[in-house]
Amino acid sequence: MKLTEKDIEKIALLARLELSEEEKTMYAGQLSVVLDYVEMLNEVDTTMVEETCQVTGLEDVFREDEVEEESNETKEKIIEQFPQKVGRLLKVQAVFDKRKK
């Protein structure tokens, strides 16, 4: 499948890439070769091949979350030992802070 520079421009736009004219020409050739290879793979007869989604036999292991209520004494000990707090609230470092550090 031969990609044109116009095709590459559309792909670059979707990927939010700025490409030079030289890069557009280069990528048109490279991606065309990749797509030609995929077309070759499409010619292989796979009608008798069983579908495989993974071959390791490994499975994800999940468990249900279980809530365990702690005593007030345990809660107070945790609050006392926490380095930063505001009243009874524990202060932690921001996870989604947009400022660069």
PDB file of N, CA and C in Angstrom:
ATOM      1  N   MET A   1       0.856  -1.174   0.000  1.00  0.00           N
ATOM      2  CA  MET A   1       0.000   0.000   0.000  1.00  0.00           C
ATOM      3  C   MET A   1       0.899   1.233   0.000  1.00  0.00           C
ATOM      4  N   LYS A   2       0.768   2.044  -0.982  1.00  0.00           N
ATOM      5  CA  LYS A   2       1.610   3.229  -1.128  1.00  0.00           C
ATOM      6  C   LYS A   2       0.929   4.416  -0.455  1.00  0.00           C
ATOM      7  N   LEU A   3       1.592   4.967   0.575  1.00  0.00           N
ATOM      8  CA  LEU A   3       1.078   6.158   1.240  1.00  0.00           C
ATOM      9  C   LEU A   3       1.650   7.400   0.568  1.00  0.00           C
ATOM     10  N   THR A   4       0.831   8.410   0.484  1.00  0.00           N
ATOM     11  CA  THR A   4       1.283   9.678  -0.089  1.00  0.00           C
ATOM     12  C   THR A   4       1.679  10.627   1.044  1.00  0.00           C
ATOM     13  N   GLU A   5       2.313  11.715   0.668  1.00  0.00           N
ATOM     14  CA  GLU A   5       2.663  12.717   1.674  1.00  0.00           C
ATOM     15  C   GLU A   5       1.406  13.315   2.294  1.00  0.00           C
ATOM     16  N   LYS A   6       0.326  13.352   1.530  1.00  0.00           N
ATOM     17  CA  LYS A   6      -0.959  13.846   2.045  1.00  0.00           C
ATOM     18  C   LYS A   6      -1.462  12.917   3.161  1.00  0.00           C
ATOM     19  N   ASP A   7      -1.307  11.587   2.958  1.00  0.00           N
ATOM     20  CA  ASP A   7      -1.681  10.622   4.001  1.00  0.00           C
ATOM     21  C   ASP A   7      -0.845  10.846   5.260  1.00  0.00           C
ATOM     22  N   ILE A   8       0.447  11.063   5.081  1.00  0.00           N
ATOM     23  CA  ILE A   8       1.343  11.286   6.212  1.00  0.00           C
ATOM     24  C   ILE A   8       0.974  12.577   6.936  1.00  0.00           C
ATOM     25  N   GLU A   9       0.588  13.615   6.191  1.00  0.00           N
ATOM     26  CA  GLU A   9       0.161  14.868   6.808  1.00  0.00           C
ATOM     27  C   GLU A   9      -1.052  14.640   7.700  1.00  0.00           C
ATOM     28  N   LYS A  10      -1.997  13.821   7.236  1.00  0.00           N
ATOM     29  CA  LYS A  10      -3.200  13.535   8.020  1.00  0.00           C
ATOM     30  C   LYS A  10      -2.839  12.754   9.287  1.00  0.00           C
ATOM     31  N   ILE A  11      -1.960  11.758   9.149  1.00  0.00           N
ATOM     32  CA  ILE A  11      -1.524  10.973  10.307  1.00  0.00           C
ATOM     33  C   ILE A  11      -0.790  11.877  11.295  1.00  0.00           C
ATOM     34  N   ALA A  12       0.079  12.747  10.790  1.00  0.00           N
ATOM     35  CA  ALA A  12       0.825  13.672  11.646  1.00  0.00           C
ATOM     36  C   ALA A  12      -0.122  14.620  12.378  1.00  0.00           C
ATOM     37  N   LEU A  13      -1.151  15.072  11.700  1.00  0.00           N
ATOM     38  CA  LEU A  13      -2.135  15.956  12.321  1.00  0.00           C
ATOM     39  C   LEU A  13      -2.840  15.230  13.466  1.00  0.00           C
ATOM     40  N   LEU A  14      -3.255  13.987  13.221  1.00  0.00           N
ATOM     41  CA  LEU A  14      -3.934  13.210  14.255  1.00  0.00           C
ATOM     42  C   LEU A  14      -3.018  12.929  15.444  1.00  0.00           C
ATOM     43  N   ALA A  15      -1.732  12.737  15.158  1.00  0.00           N
ATOM     44  CA  ALA A  15      -0.756  12.455  16.211  1.00  0.00           C
ATOM     45  C   ALA A  15      -0.163  13.734  16.795  1.00  0.00           C
ATOM     46  N   ARG A  16      -0.596  14.870  16.280  1.00  0.00           N
ATOM     47  CA  ARG A  16      -0.115  16.185  16.722  1.00  0.00           C
ATOM     48  C   ARG A  16       1.407  16.297  16.577  1.00  0.00           C
ATOM     49  N   LEU A  17       1.889  15.890  15.405  1.00  0.00           N
ATOM     50  CA  LEU A  17       3.311  15.977  15.091  1.00  0.00           C
ATOM     51  C   LEU A  17       3.544  17.034  14.030  1.00  0.00           C
ATOM     52  N   GLU A  18       4.620  17.747  14.168  1.00  0.00           N
ATOM     53  CA  GLU A  18       5.019  18.685  13.134  1.00  0.00           C
ATOM     54  C   GLU A  18       6.160  18.040  12.357  1.00  0.00           C
ATOM     55  N   LEU A  19       5.946  17.802  11.068  1.00  0.00           N
ATOM     56  CA  LEU A  19       6.948  17.135  10.246  1.00  0.00           C
ATOM     57  C   LEU A  19       7.446  18.059   9.145  1.00  0.00           C
ATOM     58  N   SER A  20       8.721  17.946   8.855  1.00  0.00           N
ATOM     59  CA  SER A  20       9.286  18.693   7.730  1.00  0.00           C
ATOM     60  C   SER A  20       8.921  17.962   6.436  1.00  0.00           C
ATOM     61  N   GLU A  21       9.129  18.602   5.309  1.00  0.00           N
ATOM     62  CA  GLU A  21       8.855  17.962   4.016  1.00  0.00           C
ATOM     63  C   GLU A  21       9.706  16.702   3.853  1.00  0.00           C
ATOM     64  N   GLU A  22      10.949  16.771   4.321  1.00  0.00           N
ATOM     65  CA  GLU A  22      11.858  15.624   4.231  1.00  0.00           C
ATOM     66  C   GLU A  22      11.331  14.456   5.065  1.00  0.00           C
ATOM     67  N   GLU A  23      10.841  14.758   6.253  1.00  0.00           N
ATOM     68  CA  GLU A  23      10.295  13.709   7.128  1.00  0.00           C
ATOM     69  C   GLU A  23       9.036  13.101   6.528  1.00  0.00           C
ATOM     70  N   LYS A  24       8.185  13.920   5.925  1.00  0.00           N
ATOM     71  CA  LYS A  24       6.969  13.400   5.297  1.00  0.00           C
ATOM     72  C   LYS A  24       7.311  12.386   4.213  1.00  0.00           C
ATOM     73  N   THR A  25       8.306  12.713   3.393  1.00  0.00           N
ATOM     74  CA  THR A  25       8.734  11.806   2.327  1.00  0.00           C
ATOM     75  C   THR A  25       9.299  10.525   2.922  1.00  0.00           C
ATOM     76  N   MET A  26      10.151  10.664   3.931  1.00  0.00           N
ATOM     77  CA  MET A  26      10.777   9.503   4.564  1.00  0.00           C
ATOM     78  C   MET A  26       9.716   8.588   5.191  1.00  0.00           C
ATOM     79  N   TYR A  27       8.788   9.167   5.965  1.00  0.00           N
ATOM     80  CA  TYR A  27       7.769   8.361   6.645  1.00  0.00           C
ATOM     81  C   TYR A  27       6.788   7.742   5.660  1.00  0.00           C
ATOM     82  N   ALA A  28       6.506   8.404   4.569  1.00  0.00           N
ATOM     83  CA  ALA A  28       5.619   7.821   3.552  1.00  0.00           C
ATOM     84  C   ALA A  28       6.228   6.515   3.045  1.00  0.00           C
ATOM     85  N   GLY A  29       7.523   6.519   2.781  1.00  0.00           N
ATOM     86  CA  GLY A  29       8.193   5.303   2.322  1.00  0.00           C
ATOM     87  C   GLY A  29       8.241   4.231   3.387  1.00  0.00           C
ATOM     88  N   GLN A  30       8.615   4.610   4.601  1.00  0.00           N
ATOM     89  CA  GLN A  30       8.754   3.634   5.682  1.00  0.00           C
ATOM     90  C   GLN A  30       7.410   3.000   6.056  1.00  0.00           C
ATOM     91  N   LEU A  31       6.386   3.827   6.204  1.00  0.00           N
ATOM     92  CA  LEU A  31       5.073   3.283   6.574  1.00  0.00           C
ATOM     93  C   LEU A  31       4.469   2.455   5.449  1.00  0.00           C
ATOM     94  N   SER A  32       4.767   2.797   4.210  1.00  0.00           N
ATOM     95  CA  SER A  32       4.283   2.002   3.085  1.00  0.00           C
ATOM     96  C   SER A  32       4.872   0.596   3.135  1.00  0.00           C
ATOM     97  N   VAL A  33       6.150   0.485   3.484  1.00  0.00           N
ATOM     98  CA  VAL A  33       6.794  -0.830   3.603  1.00  0.00           C
ATOM     99  C   VAL A  33       6.141  -1.646   4.716  1.00  0.00           C
ATOM    100  N   VAL A  34       5.861  -1.007   5.835  1.00  0.00           N
ATOM    101  CA  VAL A  34       5.217  -1.704   6.955  1.00  0.00           C
ATOM    102  C   VAL A  34       3.836  -2.207   6.546  1.00  0.00           C
ATOM    103  N   LEU A  35       3.059  -1.360   5.888  1.00  0.00           N
ATOM    104  CA  LEU A  35       1.715  -1.758   5.469  1.00  0.00           C
ATOM    105  C   LEU A  35       1.750  -2.846   4.405  1.00  0.00           C
ATOM    106  N   ASP A  36       2.754  -2.818   3.538  1.00  0.00           N
ATOM    107  CA  ASP A  36       2.915  -3.897   2.554  1.00  0.00           C
ATOM    108  C   ASP A  36       3.167  -5.222   3.265  1.00  0.00           C
ATOM    109  N   TYR A  37       3.955  -5.204   4.328  1.00  0.00           N
ATOM    110  CA  TYR A  37       4.231  -6.419   5.091  1.00  0.00           C
ATOM    111  C   TYR A  37       2.956  -6.939   5.751  1.00  0.00           C
ATOM    112  N   VAL A  38       2.160  -6.048   6.295  1.00  0.00           N
ATOM    113  CA  VAL A  38       0.891  -6.454   6.916  1.00  0.00           C
ATOM    114  C   VAL A  38      -0.027  -7.066   5.866  1.00  0.00           C
ATOM    115  N   GLU A  39      -0.039  -6.504   4.678  1.00  0.00           N
ATOM    116  CA  GLU A  39      -0.845  -7.076   3.593  1.00  0.00           C
ATOM    117  C   GLU A  39      -0.393  -8.494   3.275  1.00  0.00           C
ATOM    118  N   MET A  40       0.928  -8.734   3.305  1.00  0.00           N
ATOM    119  CA  MET A  40       1.447 -10.092   3.091  1.00  0.00           C
ATOM    120  C   MET A  40       0.909 -11.037   4.158  1.00  0.00           C
ATOM    121  N   LEU A  41       0.871 -10.580   5.403  1.00  0.00           N
ATOM    122  CA  LEU A  41       0.361 -11.413   6.493  1.00  0.00           C
ATOM    123  C   LEU A  41      -1.122 -11.711   6.311  1.00  0.00           C
ATOM    124  N   ASN A  42      -1.864 -10.784   5.729  1.00  0.00           N
ATOM    125  CA  ASN A  42      -3.293 -11.000   5.495  1.00  0.00           C
ATOM    126  C   ASN A  42      -3.548 -12.120   4.494  1.00  0.00           C
ATOM    127  N   GLU A  43      -2.557 -12.469   3.693  1.00  0.00           N
ATOM    128  CA  GLU A  43      -2.714 -13.532   2.702  1.00  0.00           C
ATOM    129  C   GLU A  43      -2.572 -14.929   3.301  1.00  0.00           C
ATOM    130  N   VAL A  44      -2.081 -15.016   4.548  1.00  0.00           N
ATOM    131  CA  VAL A  44      -1.887 -16.311   5.200  1.00  0.00           C
ATOM    132  C   VAL A  44      -3.248 -16.879   5.596  1.00  0.00           C
ATOM    133  N   ASP A  45      -3.471 -18.167   5.290  1.00  0.00           N
ATOM    134  CA  ASP A  45      -4.727 -18.831   5.639  1.00  0.00           C
ATOM    135  C   ASP A  45      -4.709 -19.199   7.120  1.00  0.00           C
ATOM    136  N   THR A  46      -5.547 -18.568   7.899  1.00  0.00           N
ATOM    137  CA  THR A  46      -5.613 -18.834   9.343  1.00  0.00           C
ATOM    138  C   THR A  46      -6.960 -19.427   9.754  1.00  0.00           C
ATOM    139  N   THR A  47      -7.688 -20.001   8.803  1.00  0.00           N
ATOM    140  CA  THR A  47      -9.024 -20.503   9.117  1.00  0.00           C
ATOM    141  C   THR A  47      -8.988 -21.663  10.113  1.00  0.00           C
ATOM    142  N   MET A  48      -7.930 -22.460  10.123  1.00  0.00           N
ATOM    143  CA  MET A  48      -7.862 -23.610  11.025  1.00  0.00           C
ATOM    144  C   MET A  48      -7.034 -23.305  12.285  1.00  0.00           C
ATOM    145  N   VAL A  49      -6.657 -22.066  12.484  1.00  0.00           N
ATOM    146  CA  VAL A  49      -5.840 -21.698  13.638  1.00  0.00           C
ATOM    147  C   VAL A  49      -6.751 -21.178  14.738  1.00  0.00           C
ATOM    148  N   GLU A  50      -6.603 -21.793  15.921  1.00  0.00           N
ATOM    149  CA  GLU A  50      -7.425 -21.381  17.052  1.00  0.00           C
ATOM    150  C   GLU A  50      -6.974 -20.006  17.550  1.00  0.00           C
ATOM    151  N   GLU A  51      -7.934 -19.188  17.915  1.00  0.00           N
ATOM    152  CA  GLU A  51      -7.641 -17.839  18.407  1.00  0.00           C
ATOM    153  C   GLU A  51      -6.859 -17.917  19.718  1.00  0.00           C
ATOM    154  N   THR A  52      -5.841 -17.091  19.829  1.00  0.00           N
ATOM    155  CA  THR A  52      -5.008 -17.072  21.029  1.00  0.00           C
ATOM    156  C   THR A  52      -4.891 -15.633  21.520  1.00  0.00           C
ATOM    157  N   CYS A  53      -5.243 -15.431  22.776  1.00  0.00           N
ATOM    158  CA  CYS A  53      -5.091 -14.081  23.307  1.00  0.00           C
ATOM    159  C   CYS A  53      -3.872 -13.983  24.213  1.00  0.00           C
ATOM    160  N   GLN A  54      -3.432 -15.114  24.775  1.00  0.00           N
ATOM    161  CA  GLN A  54      -2.181 -15.144  25.520  1.00  0.00           C
ATOM    162  C   GLN A  54      -1.751 -16.593  25.679  1.00  0.00           C
ATOM    163  N   VAL A  55      -0.454 -16.811  25.844  1.00  0.00           N
ATOM    164  CA  VAL A  55       0.057 -18.182  25.822  1.00  0.00           C
ATOM    165  C   VAL A  55       0.779 -18.592  27.095  1.00  0.00           C
ATOM    166  N   THR A  56       0.886 -17.700  28.059  1.00  0.00           N
ATOM    167  CA  THR A  56       1.660 -18.012  29.262  1.00  0.00           C
ATOM    168  C   THR A  56       0.888 -18.840  30.277  1.00  0.00           C
ATOM    169  N   GLY A  57      -0.443 -18.778  30.217  1.00  0.00           N
ATOM    170  CA  GLY A  57      -1.249 -19.487  31.206  1.00  0.00           C
ATOM    171  C   GLY A  57      -1.438 -18.691  32.494  1.00  0.00           C
ATOM    172  N   LEU A  58      -0.817 -17.539  32.575  1.00  0.00           N
ATOM    173  CA  LEU A  58      -0.949 -16.718  33.780  1.00  0.00           C
ATOM    174  C   LEU A  58      -2.319 -16.045  33.803  1.00  0.00           C
ATOM    175  N   GLU A  59      -2.849 -15.876  34.995  1.00  0.00           N
ATOM    176  CA  GLU A  59      -4.135 -15.226  35.150  1.00  0.00           C
ATOM    177  C   GLU A  59      -4.022 -14.142  36.209  1.00  0.00           C
ATOM    178  N   ASP A  60      -4.813 -13.088  36.064  1.00  0.00           N
ATOM    179  CA  ASP A  60      -4.861 -12.060  37.091  1.00  0.00           C
ATOM    180  C   ASP A  60      -5.578 -12.619  38.309  1.00  0.00           C
ATOM    181  N   VAL A  61      -5.074 -12.266  39.462  1.00  0.00           N
ATOM    182  CA  VAL A  61      -5.699 -12.720  40.702  1.00  0.00           C
ATOM    183  C   VAL A  61      -6.272 -11.491  41.393  1.00  0.00           C
ATOM    184  N   PHE A  62      -7.557 -11.509  41.620  1.00  0.00           N
ATOM    185  CA  PHE A  62      -8.234 -10.400  42.272  1.00  0.00           C
ATOM    186  C   PHE A  62      -8.873 -10.876  43.556  1.00  0.00           C
ATOM    187  N   ARG A  63      -9.012  -9.975  44.475  1.00  0.00           N
ATOM    188  CA  ARG A  63      -9.767 -10.272  45.684  1.00  0.00           C
ATOM    189  C   ARG A  63     -10.669  -9.085  45.964  1.00  0.00           C
ATOM    190  N   GLU A  64     -11.726  -9.332  46.636  1.00  0.00           N
ATOM    191  CA  GLU A  64     -12.633  -8.261  47.016  1.00  0.00           C
ATOM    192  C   GLU A  64     -12.005  -7.435  48.128  1.00  0.00           C
ATOM    193  N   ASP A  65     -12.189  -6.121  48.073  1.00  0.00           N
ATOM    194  CA  ASP A  65     -11.721  -5.272  49.154  1.00  0.00           C
ATOM    195  C   ASP A  65     -12.580  -5.519  50.384  1.00  0.00           C
ATOM    196  N   GLU A  66     -11.920  -5.624  51.515  1.00  0.00           N
ATOM    197  CA  GLU A  66     -12.643  -5.817  52.764  1.00  0.00           C
ATOM    198  C   GLU A  66     -12.325  -4.659  53.695  1.00  0.00           C
ATOM    199  N   VAL A  67     -13.352  -4.004  54.182  1.00  0.00           N
ATOM    200  CA  VAL A  67     -13.171  -2.874  55.091  1.00  0.00           C
ATOM    201  C   VAL A  67     -13.066  -3.415  56.503  1.00  0.00           C
ATOM    202  N   GLU A  68     -11.992  -3.017  57.188  1.00  0.00           N
ATOM    203  CA  GLU A  68     -11.821  -3.411  58.586  1.00  0.00           C
ATOM    204  C   GLU A  68     -11.822  -2.151  59.433  1.00  0.00           C
ATOM    205  N   GLU A  69     -12.718  -2.062  60.349  1.00  0.00           N
ATOM    206  CA  GLU A  69     -12.824  -0.892  61.220  1.00  0.00           C
ATOM    207  C   GLU A  69     -11.757  -0.981  62.302  1.00  0.00           C
ATOM    208  N   GLU A  70     -11.019   0.112  62.470  1.00  0.00           N
ATOM    209  CA  GLU A  70      -9.983   0.172  63.503  1.00  0.00           C
ATOM    210  C   GLU A  70     -10.543   0.872  64.736  1.00  0.00           C
ATOM    211  N   SER A  71      -9.946   0.570  65.863  1.00  0.00           N
ATOM    212  CA  SER A  71     -10.396   1.195  67.104  1.00  0.00           C
ATOM    213  C   SER A  71      -9.982   2.662  67.121  1.00  0.00           C
ATOM    214  N   ASN A  72     -10.668   3.453  67.931  1.00  0.00           N
ATOM    215  CA  ASN A  72     -10.327   4.870  68.058  1.00  0.00           C
ATOM    216  C   ASN A  72      -8.914   5.035  68.587  1.00  0.00           C
ATOM    217  N   GLU A  73      -8.484   4.131  69.441  1.00  0.00           N
ATOM    218  CA  GLU A  73      -7.128   4.186  69.993  1.00  0.00           C
ATOM    219  C   GLU A  73      -6.083   4.061  68.876  1.00  0.00           C
ATOM    220  N   THR A  74      -6.281   3.129  67.955  1.00  0.00           N
ATOM    221  CA  THR A  74      -5.359   2.938  66.831  1.00  0.00           C
ATOM    222  C   THR A  74      -5.357   4.163  65.930  1.00  0.00           C
ATOM    223  N   LYS A  75      -6.541   4.708  65.656  1.00  0.00           N
ATOM    224  CA  LYS A  75      -6.644   5.913  64.825  1.00  0.00           C
ATOM    225  C   LYS A  75      -5.882   7.072  65.459  1.00  0.00           C
ATOM    226  N   GLU A  76      -6.016   7.254  66.760  1.00  0.00           N
ATOM    227  CA  GLU A  76      -5.335   8.342  67.450  1.00  0.00           C
ATOM    228  C   GLU A  76      -3.820   8.164  67.394  1.00  0.00           C
ATOM    229  N   LYS A  77      -3.328   6.933  67.542  1.00  0.00           N
ATOM    230  CA  LYS A  77      -1.890   6.673  67.467  1.00  0.00           C
ATOM    231  C   LYS A  77      -1.344   7.036  66.087  1.00  0.00           C
ATOM    232  N   ILE A  78      -2.093   6.702  65.042  1.00  0.00           N
ATOM    233  CA  ILE A  78      -1.666   7.024  63.670  1.00  0.00           C
ATOM    234  C   ILE A  78      -1.608   8.531  63.489  1.00  0.00           C
ATOM    235  N   ILE A  79      -2.634   9.232  63.940  1.00  0.00           N
ATOM    236  CA  ILE A  79      -2.684  10.688  63.798  1.00  0.00           C
ATOM    237  C   ILE A  79      -1.528  11.332  64.561  1.00  0.00           C
ATOM    238  N   GLU A  80      -1.229  10.848  65.758  1.00  0.00           N
ATOM    239  CA  GLU A  80      -0.140  11.400  66.559  1.00  0.00           C
ATOM    240  C   GLU A  80       1.209  11.223  65.867  1.00  0.00           C
ATOM    241  N   GLN A  81       1.418  10.108  65.175  1.00  0.00           N
ATOM    242  CA  GLN A  81       2.713   9.801  64.572  1.00  0.00           C
ATOM    243  C   GLN A  81       2.897  10.409  63.187  1.00  0.00           C
ATOM    244  N   PHE A  82       1.833  10.902  62.589  1.00  0.00           N
ATOM    245  CA  PHE A  82       1.927  11.420  61.220  1.00  0.00           C
ATOM    246  C   PHE A  82       2.688  12.733  61.225  1.00  0.00           C
ATOM    247  N   PRO A  83       3.642  12.921  60.292  1.00  0.00           N
ATOM    248  CA  PRO A  83       4.497  14.117  60.328  1.00  0.00           C
ATOM    249  C   PRO A  83       3.777  15.431  60.074  1.00  0.00           C
ATOM    250  N   GLN A  84       2.813  15.458  59.155  1.00  0.00           N
ATOM    251  CA  GLN A  84       2.110  16.708  58.858  1.00  0.00           C
ATOM    252  C   GLN A  84       0.607  16.478  59.003  1.00  0.00           C
ATOM    253  N   LYS A  85      -0.008  17.364  59.751  1.00  0.00           N
ATOM    254  CA  LYS A  85      -1.460  17.232  59.917  1.00  0.00           C
ATOM    255  C   LYS A  85      -2.076  18.598  60.149  1.00  0.00           C
ATOM    256  N   VAL A  86      -3.363  18.675  59.845  1.00  0.00           N
ATOM    257  CA  VAL A  86      -4.147  19.871  60.091  1.00  0.00           C
ATOM    258  C   VAL A  86      -5.325  19.408  60.931  1.00  0.00           C
ATOM    259  N   GLY A  87      -5.259  19.667  62.226  1.00  0.00           N
ATOM    260  CA  GLY A  87      -6.277  19.141  63.131  1.00  0.00           C
ATOM    261  C   GLY A  87      -6.179  17.626  63.162  1.00  0.00           C
ATOM    262  N   ARG A  88      -7.267  16.975  62.824  1.00  0.00           N
ATOM    263  CA  ARG A  88      -7.265  15.501  62.767  1.00  0.00           C
ATOM    264  C   ARG A  88      -7.067  14.980  61.342  1.00  0.00           C
ATOM    265  N   LEU A  89      -6.837  15.905  60.391  1.00  0.00           N
ATOM    266  CA  LEU A  89      -6.628  15.511  58.991  1.00  0.00           C
ATOM    267  C   LEU A  89      -5.147  15.327  58.720  1.00  0.00           C
ATOM    268  N   LEU A  90      -4.807  14.269  57.976  1.00  0.00           N
ATOM    269  CA  LEU A  90      -3.422  13.991  57.641  1.00  0.00           C
ATOM    270  C   LEU A  90      -3.080  14.684  56.336  1.00  0.00           C
ATOM    271  N   LYS A  91      -1.987  15.454  56.326  1.00  0.00           N
ATOM    272  CA  LYS A  91      -1.588  16.214  55.149  1.00  0.00           C
ATOM    273  C   LYS A  91      -0.542  15.407  54.382  1.00  0.00           C
ATOM    274  N   VAL A  92      -0.834  15.136  53.090  1.00  0.00           N
ATOM    275  CA  VAL A  92       0.082  14.367  52.254  1.00  0.00           C
ATOM    276  C   VAL A  92       0.501  15.209  51.056  1.00  0.00           C
ATOM    277  N   GLN A  93       1.578  14.791  50.391  1.00  0.00           N
ATOM    278  CA  GLN A  93       2.070  15.508  49.216  1.00  0.00           C
ATOM    279  C   GLN A  93       1.061  15.367  48.076  1.00  0.00           C
ATOM    280  N   ALA A  94       0.881  16.458  47.317  1.00  0.00           N
ATOM    281  CA  ALA A  94      -0.059  16.465  46.201  1.00  0.00           C
ATOM    282  C   ALA A  94       0.363  15.446  45.148  1.00  0.00           C
ATOM    283  N   VAL A  95      -0.594  14.717  44.622  1.00  0.00           N
ATOM    284  CA  VAL A  95      -0.314  13.721  43.589  1.00  0.00           C
ATOM    285  C   VAL A  95      -0.493  14.334  42.209  1.00  0.00           C
ATOM    286  N   PHE A  96      -1.484  15.175  42.040  1.00  0.00           N
ATOM    287  CA  PHE A  96      -1.801  15.748  40.745  1.00  0.00           C
ATOM    288  C   PHE A  96      -1.447  17.227  40.678  1.00  0.00           C
ATOM    289  N   ASP A  97      -0.357  17.603  41.295  1.00  0.00           N
ATOM    290  CA  ASP A  97       0.083  18.995  41.301  1.00  0.00           C
ATOM    291  C   ASP A  97       0.622  19.346  39.922  1.00  0.00           C
ATOM    292  N   LYS A  98       0.065  20.372  39.291  1.00  0.00           N
ATOM    293  CA  LYS A  98       0.462  20.751  37.931  1.00  0.00           C
ATOM    294  C   LYS A  98       1.756  21.566  37.909  1.00  0.00           C
ATOM    295  N   ARG A  99       2.159  22.098  39.037  1.00  0.00           N
ATOM    296  CA  ARG A  99       3.386  22.887  39.084  1.00  0.00           C
ATOM    297  C   ARG A  99       4.595  21.963  38.968  1.00  0.00           C
ATOM    298  N   LYS A 100       5.588  22.416  38.220  1.00  0.00           N
ATOM    299  CA  LYS A 100       6.815  21.627  38.070  1.00  0.00           C
ATOM    300  C   LYS A 100       7.685  21.837  39.304  1.00  0.00           C
ATOM    301  N   LYS A 101       8.331  20.760  39.708  1.00  0.00           N
ATOM    302  CA  LYS A 101       9.172  20.840  40.918  1.00  0.00           C
ATOM    303  C   LYS A 101      10.612  20.845  40.539  1.00  0.00           C
TER     304      LYS A 101
END
